[in-house]
PDB file of N, CA and C in Angstrom:
ATOM      1  N   MET A   1       8.381   4.513  -9.159  1.00  0.00           N
ATOM      2  CA  MET A   1       7.432   5.233  -9.962  1.00  0.00           C
ATOM      3  C   MET A   1       8.129   6.438 -10.567  1.00  0.00           C
ATOM      4  N   ASP A   2       8.007   6.638 -11.828  1.00  0.00           N
ATOM      5  CA  ASP A   2       8.652   7.746 -12.506  1.00  0.00           C
ATOM      6  C   ASP A   2       7.620   8.817 -12.818  1.00  0.00           C
ATOM      7  N   ALA A   3       7.963  10.054 -12.542  1.00  0.00           N
ATOM      8  CA  ALA A   3       7.071  11.159 -12.868  1.00  0.00           C
ATOM      9  C   ALA A   3       7.253  11.524 -14.328  1.00  0.00           C
ATOM     10  N   VAL A   4       6.138  11.686 -15.015  1.00  0.00           N
ATOM     11  CA  VAL A   4       6.175  12.065 -16.422  1.00  0.00           C
ATOM     12  C   VAL A   4       5.406  13.368 -16.551  1.00  0.00           C
ATOM     13  N   LEU A   5       6.096  14.413 -16.971  1.00  0.00           N
ATOM     14  CA  LEU A   5       5.441  15.701 -17.133  1.00  0.00           C
ATOM     15  C   LEU A   5       4.804  15.785 -18.503  1.00  0.00           C
ATOM     16  N   GLY A   6       3.747  16.577 -18.585  1.00  0.00           N
ATOM     17  CA  GLY A   6       3.071  16.774 -19.852  1.00  0.00           C
ATOM     18  C   GLY A   6       3.890  17.664 -20.775  1.00  0.00           C
ATOM     19  N   ARG A   7       3.280  18.118 -21.874  1.00  0.00           N
ATOM     20  CA  ARG A   7       3.976  18.964 -22.844  1.00  0.00           C
ATOM     21  C   ARG A   7       4.439  20.270 -22.211  1.00  0.00           C
ATOM     22  N   ASP A   8       3.553  20.880 -21.467  1.00  0.00           N
ATOM     23  CA  ASP A   8       3.867  22.163 -20.856  1.00  0.00           C
ATOM     24  C   ASP A   8       4.561  21.909 -19.525  1.00  0.00           C
ATOM     25  N   SER A   9       5.814  22.296 -19.417  1.00  0.00           N
ATOM     26  CA  SER A   9       6.559  22.032 -18.186  1.00  0.00           C
ATOM     27  C   SER A   9       6.036  22.865 -17.023  1.00  0.00           C
ATOM     28  N   ARG A  10       5.213  23.870 -17.313  1.00  0.00           N
ATOM     29  CA  ARG A  10       4.629  24.681 -16.249  1.00  0.00           C
ATOM     30  C   ARG A  10       3.350  24.062 -15.712  1.00  0.00           C
ATOM     31  N   SER A  11       2.936  22.974 -16.287  1.00  0.00           N
ATOM     32  CA  SER A  11       1.705  22.316 -15.877  1.00  0.00           C
ATOM     33  C   SER A  11       1.835  21.798 -14.451  1.00  0.00           C
ATOM     34  N   ARG A  12       0.779  21.908 -13.706  1.00  0.00           N
ATOM     35  CA  ARG A  12       0.799  21.434 -12.327  1.00  0.00           C
ATOM     36  C   ARG A  12       0.407  19.973 -12.216  1.00  0.00           C
ATOM     37  N   THR A  13      -0.127  19.418 -13.258  1.00  0.00           N
ATOM     38  CA  THR A  13      -0.518  18.016 -13.202  1.00  0.00           C
ATOM     39  C   THR A  13       0.668  17.147 -13.559  1.00  0.00           C
ATOM     40  N   VAL A  14       0.869  16.140 -12.771  1.00  0.00           N
ATOM     41  CA  VAL A  14       1.959  15.196 -12.993  1.00  0.00           C
ATOM     42  C   VAL A  14       1.343  13.816 -13.106  1.00  0.00           C
ATOM     43  N   LYS A  15       1.654  13.131 -14.191  1.00  0.00           N
ATOM     44  CA  LYS A  15       1.174  11.770 -14.375  1.00  0.00           C
ATOM     45  C   LYS A  15       2.284  10.826 -13.960  1.00  0.00           C
ATOM     46  N   TYR A  16       1.926   9.779 -13.255  1.00  0.00           N
ATOM     47  CA  TYR A  16       2.918   8.815 -12.809  1.00  0.00           C
ATOM     48  C   TYR A  16       2.856   7.572 -13.668  1.00  0.00           C
ATOM     49  N   LYS A  17       3.997   7.165 -14.122  1.00  0.00           N
ATOM     50  CA  LYS A  17       4.108   5.978 -14.956  1.00  0.00           C
ATOM     51  C   LYS A  17       4.615   4.849 -14.071  1.00  0.00           C
ATOM     52  N   GLN A  18       3.859   3.795 -13.993  1.00  0.00           N
ATOM     53  CA  GLN A  18       4.248   2.647 -13.176  1.00  0.00           C
ATOM     54  C   GLN A  18       5.192   1.776 -13.978  1.00  0.00           C
ATOM     55  N   THR A  19       6.375   1.535 -13.441  1.00  0.00           N
ATOM     56  CA  THR A  19       7.348   0.737 -14.167  1.00  0.00           C
ATOM     57  C   THR A  19       7.179  -0.747 -13.898  1.00  0.00           C
ATOM     58  N   ASN A  20       6.664  -1.107 -12.747  1.00  0.00           N
ATOM     59  CA  ASN A  20       6.482  -2.510 -12.400  1.00  0.00           C
ATOM     60  C   ASN A  20       5.110  -2.659 -11.768  1.00  0.00           C
ATOM     61  N   LYS A  21       4.229  -3.397 -12.401  1.00  0.00           N
ATOM     62  CA  LYS A  21       2.867  -3.518 -11.897  1.00  0.00           C
ATOM     63  C   LYS A  21       2.797  -4.216 -10.549  1.00  0.00           C
ATOM     64  N   GLU A  22       3.739  -5.093 -10.262  1.00  0.00           N
ATOM     65  CA  GLU A  22       3.728  -5.793  -8.985  1.00  0.00           C
ATOM     66  C   GLU A  22       4.052  -4.862  -7.824  1.00  0.00           C
ATOM     67  N   SER A  23       4.834  -3.815  -8.045  1.00  0.00           N
ATOM     68  CA  SER A  23       5.197  -2.919  -6.956  1.00  0.00           C
ATOM     69  C   SER A  23       4.187  -1.793  -6.779  1.00  0.00           C
ATOM     70  N   GLY A  24       3.107  -1.813  -7.505  1.00  0.00           N
ATOM     71  CA  GLY A  24       2.108  -0.765  -7.418  1.00  0.00           C
ATOM     72  C   GLY A  24       1.202  -0.936  -6.218  1.00  0.00           C
ATOM     73  N   THR A  25       1.744  -0.756  -5.047  1.00  0.00           N
ATOM     74  CA  THR A  25       0.983  -0.927  -3.822  1.00  0.00           C
ATOM     75  C   THR A  25       0.271   0.367  -3.479  1.00  0.00           C
ATOM     76  N   MET A  26      -0.983   0.263  -3.124  1.00  0.00           N
ATOM     77  CA  MET A  26      -1.769   1.435  -2.798  1.00  0.00           C
ATOM     78  C   MET A  26      -2.210   1.444  -1.338  1.00  0.00           C
ATOM     79  N   ILE A  27      -1.472   0.784  -0.465  1.00  0.00           N
ATOM     80  CA  ILE A  27      -1.805   0.797   0.957  1.00  0.00           C
ATOM     81  C   ILE A  27      -1.627   2.222   1.478  1.00  0.00           C
ATOM     82  N   PRO A  28      -2.555   2.705   2.299  1.00  0.00           N
ATOM     83  CA  PRO A  28      -2.365   4.040   2.879  1.00  0.00           C
ATOM     84  C   PRO A  28      -1.081   4.103   3.707  1.00  0.00           C
ATOM     85  N   VAL A  29      -0.431   5.230   3.698  1.00  0.00           N
ATOM     86  CA  VAL A  29       0.830   5.382   4.422  1.00  0.00           C
ATOM     87  C   VAL A  29       0.594   5.375   5.924  1.00  0.00           C
ATOM     88  N   ARG A  30      -0.442   6.043   6.374  1.00  0.00           N
ATOM     89  CA  ARG A  30      -0.727   6.146   7.806  1.00  0.00           C
ATOM     90  C   ARG A  30      -2.102   5.582   8.134  1.00  0.00           C
ATOM     91  N   CYS A  31      -2.251   5.182   9.385  1.00  0.00           N
ATOM     92  CA  CYS A  31      -3.549   4.729   9.879  1.00  0.00           C
ATOM     93  C   CYS A  31      -4.493   5.928   9.874  1.00  0.00           C
ATOM     94  N   PHE A  32      -5.701   5.736   9.401  1.00  0.00           N
ATOM     95  CA  PHE A  32      -6.658   6.836   9.325  1.00  0.00           C
ATOM     96  C   PHE A  32      -7.057   7.344  10.704  1.00  0.00           C
ATOM     97  N   THR A  33      -7.028   6.483  11.712  1.00  0.00           N
ATOM     98  CA  THR A  33      -7.499   6.851  13.038  1.00  0.00           C
ATOM     99  C   THR A  33      -6.418   7.472  13.910  1.00  0.00           C
ATOM    100  N   CYS A  34      -5.289   6.788  14.071  1.00  0.00           N
ATOM    101  CA  CYS A  34      -4.266   7.260  15.012  1.00  0.00           C
ATOM    102  C   CYS A  34      -3.080   7.930  14.338  1.00  0.00           C
ATOM    103  N   GLY A  35      -2.886   7.741  13.047  1.00  0.00           N
ATOM    104  CA  GLY A  35      -1.802   8.391  12.331  1.00  0.00           C
ATOM    105  C   GLY A  35      -0.481   7.647  12.331  1.00  0.00           C
ATOM    106  N   LYS A  36      -0.449   6.434  12.882  1.00  0.00           N
ATOM    107  CA  LYS A  36       0.793   5.661  12.901  1.00  0.00           C
ATOM    108  C   LYS A  36       1.131   5.209  11.477  1.00  0.00           C
ATOM    109  N   ILE A  37       2.405   5.191  11.142  1.00  0.00           N
ATOM    110  CA  ILE A  37       2.839   4.746   9.816  1.00  0.00           C
ATOM    111  C   ILE A  37       2.679   3.230   9.729  1.00  0.00           C
ATOM    112  N   ILE A  38       1.882   2.777   8.756  1.00  0.00           N
ATOM    113  CA  ILE A  38       1.608   1.345   8.615  1.00  0.00           C
ATOM    114  C   ILE A  38       2.072   0.785   7.279  1.00  0.00           C
ATOM    115  N   SER A  39       2.403   1.641   6.341  1.00  0.00           N
ATOM    116  CA  SER A  39       2.741   1.155   4.998  1.00  0.00           C
ATOM    117  C   SER A  39       4.015   0.322   4.981  1.00  0.00           C
ATOM    118  N   THR A  40       4.895   0.526   5.945  1.00  0.00           N
ATOM    119  CA  THR A  40       6.144  -0.232   5.983  1.00  0.00           C
ATOM    120  C   THR A  40       5.909  -1.691   6.342  1.00  0.00           C
ATOM    121  N   ALA A  41       4.784  -1.998   6.957  1.00  0.00           N
ATOM    122  CA  ALA A  41       4.500  -3.364   7.391  1.00  0.00           C
ATOM    123  C   ALA A  41       3.751  -4.172   6.331  1.00  0.00           C
ATOM    124  N   TRP A  42       3.234  -3.522   5.310  1.00  0.00           N
ATOM    125  CA  TRP A  42       2.351  -4.197   4.364  1.00  0.00           C
ATOM    126  C   TRP A  42       3.029  -5.314   3.578  1.00  0.00           C
ATOM    127  N   ASP A  43       4.198  -5.063   3.015  1.00  0.00           N
ATOM    128  CA  ASP A  43       4.862  -6.071   2.180  1.00  0.00           C
ATOM    129  C   ASP A  43       5.197  -7.332   2.971  1.00  0.00           C
ATOM    130  N   GLU A  44       5.724  -7.145   4.174  1.00  0.00           N
ATOM    131  CA  GLU A  44       6.057  -8.312   4.993  1.00  0.00           C
ATOM    132  C   GLU A  44       4.797  -9.060   5.406  1.00  0.00           C
ATOM    133  N   PHE A  45       3.735  -8.321   5.755  1.00  0.00           N
ATOM    134  CA  PHE A  45       2.475  -8.963   6.122  1.00  0.00           C
ATOM    135  C   PHE A  45       1.942  -9.795   4.963  1.00  0.00           C
ATOM    136  N   LYS A  46       1.970  -9.231   3.771  1.00  0.00           N
ATOM    137  CA  LYS A  46       1.442  -9.917   2.592  1.00  0.00           C
ATOM    138  C   LYS A  46       2.226 -11.196   2.300  1.00  0.00           C
ATOM    139  N   GLU A  47       3.553 -11.123   2.386  1.00  0.00           N
ATOM    140  CA  GLU A  47       4.391 -12.298   2.116  1.00  0.00           C
ATOM    141  C   GLU A  47       4.174 -13.395   3.151  1.00  0.00           C
ATOM    142  N   ARG A  48       4.147 -13.002   4.414  1.00  0.00           N
ATOM    143  CA  ARG A  48       4.001 -13.998   5.474  1.00  0.00           C
ATOM    144  C   ARG A  48       2.607 -14.616   5.482  1.00  0.00           C
ATOM    145  N   LYS A  49       1.591 -13.828   5.146  1.00  0.00           N
ATOM    146  CA  LYS A  49       0.234 -14.368   5.076  1.00  0.00           C
ATOM    147  C   LYS A  49       0.114 -15.350   3.919  1.00  0.00           C
ATOM    148  N   ALA A  50       0.751 -15.042   2.791  1.00  0.00           N
ATOM    149  CA  ALA A  50       0.737 -15.952   1.642  1.00  0.00           C
ATOM    150  C   ALA A  50       1.453 -17.256   1.966  1.00  0.00           C
ATOM    151  N   ALA A  51       2.411 -17.202   2.883  1.00  0.00           N
ATOM    152  CA  ALA A  51       3.138 -18.406   3.297  1.00  0.00           C
ATOM    153  C   ALA A  51       2.331 -19.251   4.277  1.00  0.00           C
ATOM    154  N   GLY A  52       1.183 -18.741   4.726  1.00  0.00           N
ATOM    155  CA  GLY A  52       0.299 -19.516   5.580  1.00  0.00           C
ATOM    156  C   GLY A  52       0.385 -19.201   7.062  1.00  0.00           C
ATOM    157  N   GLU A  53       1.092 -18.160   7.417  1.00  0.00           N
ATOM    158  CA  GLU A  53       1.223 -17.795   8.829  1.00  0.00           C
ATOM    159  C   GLU A  53      -0.059 -17.118   9.321  1.00  0.00           C
ATOM    160  N   ASP A  54      -0.330 -17.244  10.606  1.00  0.00           N
ATOM    161  CA  ASP A  54      -1.524 -16.676  11.226  1.00  0.00           C
ATOM    162  C   ASP A  54      -1.436 -15.144  11.229  1.00  0.00           C
ATOM    163  N   PRO A  55      -2.466 -14.436  10.725  1.00  0.00           N
ATOM    164  CA  PRO A  55      -2.419 -12.970  10.684  1.00  0.00           C
ATOM    165  C   PRO A  55      -2.217 -12.327  12.060  1.00  0.00           C
ATOM    166  N   LYS A  56      -2.784 -12.915  13.099  1.00  0.00           N
ATOM    167  CA  LYS A  56      -2.606 -12.364  14.445  1.00  0.00           C
ATOM    168  C   LYS A  56      -1.140 -12.372  14.852  1.00  0.00           C
ATOM    169  N   GLU A  57      -0.466 -13.470  14.585  1.00  0.00           N
ATOM    170  CA  GLU A  57       0.951 -13.583  14.936  1.00  0.00           C
ATOM    171  C   GLU A  57       1.801 -12.613  14.113  1.00  0.00           C
ATOM    172  N   ILE A  58       1.441 -12.438  12.854  1.00  0.00           N
ATOM    173  CA  ILE A  58       2.191 -11.514  11.994  1.00  0.00           C
ATOM    174  C   ILE A  58       2.062 -10.088  12.519  1.00  0.00           C
ATOM    175  N   LEU A  59       0.833  -9.667  12.803  1.00  0.00           N
ATOM    176  CA  LEU A  59       0.608  -8.306  13.279  1.00  0.00           C
ATOM    177  C   LEU A  59       1.280  -8.063  14.620  1.00  0.00           C
ATOM    178  N   ASP A  60       1.255  -9.070  15.501  1.00  0.00           N
ATOM    179  CA  ASP A  60       1.933  -8.937  16.793  1.00  0.00           C
ATOM    180  C   ASP A  60       3.436  -8.753  16.602  1.00  0.00           C
ATOM    181  N   SER A  61       4.029  -9.545  15.718  1.00  0.00           N
ATOM    182  CA  SER A  61       5.476  -9.458  15.518  1.00  0.00           C
ATOM    183  C   SER A  61       5.887  -8.173  14.796  1.00  0.00           C
ATOM    184  N   LEU A  62       4.985  -7.593  14.013  1.00  0.00           N
ATOM    185  CA  LEU A  62       5.279  -6.336  13.321  1.00  0.00           C
ATOM    186  C   LEU A  62       5.087  -5.118  14.224  1.00  0.00           C
ATOM    187  N   GLY A  63       4.550  -5.333  15.417  1.00  0.00           N
ATOM    188  CA  GLY A  63       4.372  -4.238  16.362  1.00  0.00           C
ATOM    189  C   GLY A  63       3.093  -3.451  16.164  1.00  0.00           C
ATOM    190  N   LEU A  64       2.146  -4.008  15.428  1.00  0.00           N
ATOM    191  CA  LEU A  64       0.855  -3.339  15.236  1.00  0.00           C
ATOM    192  C   LEU A  64      -0.089  -3.822  16.328  1.00  0.00           C
ATOM    193  N   GLU A  65      -0.143  -3.059  17.423  1.00  0.00           N
ATOM    194  CA  GLU A  65      -0.923  -3.472  18.580  1.00  0.00           C
ATOM    195  C   GLU A  65      -2.292  -2.819  18.637  1.00  0.00           C
ATOM    196  N   ARG A  66      -2.416  -1.626  18.095  1.00  0.00           N
ATOM    197  CA  ARG A  66      -3.706  -0.929  18.134  1.00  0.00           C
ATOM    198  C   ARG A  66      -4.671  -1.564  17.141  1.00  0.00           C
ATOM    199  N   TYR A  67      -5.916  -1.694  17.556  1.00  0.00           N
ATOM    200  CA  TYR A  67      -6.882  -2.349  16.673  1.00  0.00           C
ATOM    201  C   TYR A  67      -7.201  -1.516  15.448  1.00  0.00           C
ATOM    202  N   CYS A  68      -6.998  -0.201  15.516  1.00  0.00           N
ATOM    203  CA  CYS A  68      -7.256   0.624  14.333  1.00  0.00           C
ATOM    204  C   CYS A  68      -6.211   0.344  13.247  1.00  0.00           C
ATOM    205  N   CYS A  69      -4.956   0.169  13.657  1.00  0.00           N
ATOM    206  CA  CYS A  69      -3.886  -0.136  12.693  1.00  0.00           C
ATOM    207  C   CYS A  69      -4.049  -1.547  12.144  1.00  0.00           C
ATOM    208  N   ARG A  70      -4.452  -2.468  13.002  1.00  0.00           N
ATOM    209  CA  ARG A  70      -4.669  -3.848  12.566  1.00  0.00           C
ATOM    210  C   ARG A  70      -5.790  -3.896  11.533  1.00  0.00           C
ATOM    211  N   ARG A  71      -6.819  -3.091  11.758  1.00  0.00           N
ATOM    212  CA  ARG A  71      -7.941  -3.027  10.817  1.00  0.00           C
ATOM    213  C   ARG A  71      -7.481  -2.536   9.459  1.00  0.00           C
ATOM    214  N   MET A  72      -6.597  -1.535   9.453  1.00  0.00           N
ATOM    215  CA  MET A  72      -6.109  -0.982   8.189  1.00  0.00           C
ATOM    216  C   MET A  72      -5.391  -2.050   7.367  1.00  0.00           C
ATOM    217  N   ILE A  73      -4.600  -2.879   8.018  1.00  0.00           N
ATOM    218  CA  ILE A  73      -3.851  -3.924   7.318  1.00  0.00           C
ATOM    219  C   ILE A  73      -4.769  -5.074   6.923  1.00  0.00           C
ATOM    220  N   LEU A  74      -5.604  -5.525   7.853  1.00  0.00           N
ATOM    221  CA  LEU A  74      -6.444  -6.697   7.592  1.00  0.00           C
ATOM    222  C   LEU A  74      -7.518  -6.444   6.539  1.00  0.00           C
ATOM    223  N   SER A  75      -8.043  -5.237   6.496  1.00  0.00           N
ATOM    224  CA  SER A  75      -9.160  -4.972   5.584  1.00  0.00           C
ATOM    225  C   SER A  75      -8.720  -4.406   4.235  1.00  0.00           C
ATOM    226  N   HIS A  76      -7.419  -4.202   4.040  1.00  0.00           N
ATOM    227  CA  HIS A  76      -6.939  -3.636   2.774  1.00  0.00           C
ATOM    228  C   HIS A  76      -7.013  -4.669   1.655  1.00  0.00           C
ATOM    229  N   LYS A  77      -7.528  -4.234   0.507  1.00  0.00           N
ATOM    230  CA  LYS A  77      -7.577  -5.086  -0.679  1.00  0.00           C
ATOM    231  C   LYS A  77      -6.933  -4.317  -1.818  1.00  0.00           C
ATOM    232  N   GLU A  78      -5.948  -4.930  -2.444  1.00  0.00           N
ATOM    233  CA  GLU A  78      -5.264  -4.266  -3.552  1.00  0.00           C
ATOM    234  C   GLU A  78      -6.093  -4.401  -4.824  1.00  0.00           C
ATOM    235  N   ILE A  79      -6.503  -3.270  -5.364  1.00  0.00           N
ATOM    236  CA  ILE A  79      -7.286  -3.276  -6.601  1.00  0.00           C
ATOM    237  C   ILE A  79      -6.549  -2.561  -7.726  1.00  0.00           C
ATOM    238  N   ILE A  80      -5.298  -2.224  -7.490  1.00  0.00           N
ATOM    239  CA  ILE A  80      -4.546  -1.453  -8.483  1.00  0.00           C
ATOM    240  C   ILE A  80      -4.426  -2.204  -9.804  1.00  0.00           C
ATOM    241  N   ASN A  81      -4.241  -3.522  -9.751  1.00  0.00           N
ATOM    242  CA  ASN A  81      -4.111  -4.291 -10.994  1.00  0.00           C
ATOM    243  C   ASN A  81      -5.415  -4.317 -11.778  1.00  0.00           C
ATOM    244  N   GLU A  82      -6.552  -4.189 -11.091  1.00  0.00           N
ATOM    245  CA  GLU A  82      -7.840  -4.136 -11.774  1.00  0.00           C
ATOM    246  C   GLU A  82      -8.071  -2.769 -12.412  1.00  0.00           C
ATOM    247  N   LEU A  83      -7.403  -1.737 -11.910  1.00  0.00           N
ATOM    248  CA  LEU A  83      -7.594  -0.383 -12.422  1.00  0.00           C
ATOM    249  C   LEU A  83      -6.643  -0.016 -13.556  1.00  0.00           C
ATOM    250  N   TYR A  84      -5.583  -0.794 -13.762  1.00  0.00           N
ATOM    251  CA  TYR A  84      -4.605  -0.475 -14.805  1.00  0.00           C
ATOM    252  C   TYR A  84      -5.212  -0.299 -16.197  1.00  0.00           C
ATOM    253  N   PRO A  85      -6.166  -1.117 -16.619  1.00  0.00           N
ATOM    254  CA  PRO A  85      -6.702  -0.929 -17.980  1.00  0.00           C
ATOM    255  C   PRO A  85      -7.403   0.412 -18.190  1.00  0.00           C
ATOM    256  N   TYR A  86      -7.768   1.107 -17.113  1.00  0.00           N
ATOM    257  CA  TYR A  86      -8.531   2.346 -17.233  1.00  0.00           C
ATOM    258  C   TYR A  86      -7.676   3.595 -17.154  1.00  0.00           C
ATOM    259  N   GLN A  87      -6.359   3.454 -17.170  1.00  0.00           N
ATOM    260  CA  GLN A  87      -5.495   4.638 -17.105  1.00  0.00           C
ATOM    261  C   GLN A  87      -5.483   5.367 -18.413  1.00  0.00           C
TER     262      GLN A  87
END
């Protein structure tokens, strides 16, 4: 993601320009409940689930044992591609 500053370089607002729509992942970085970092597991989970592997086995192998972290991964839905037209 590339930061694009507005006209005034003193402006505090920074707009981000997405260079690749496929890499625009919006998974939260940390679990909302316990604070464990979960964003590193998202890409592998998504690929393995698309390949047909059981989500329980994927989460176990990724080391996500707490049910709060598992919930964050299982219930996440990527809507970033639906929001692109409204930028």
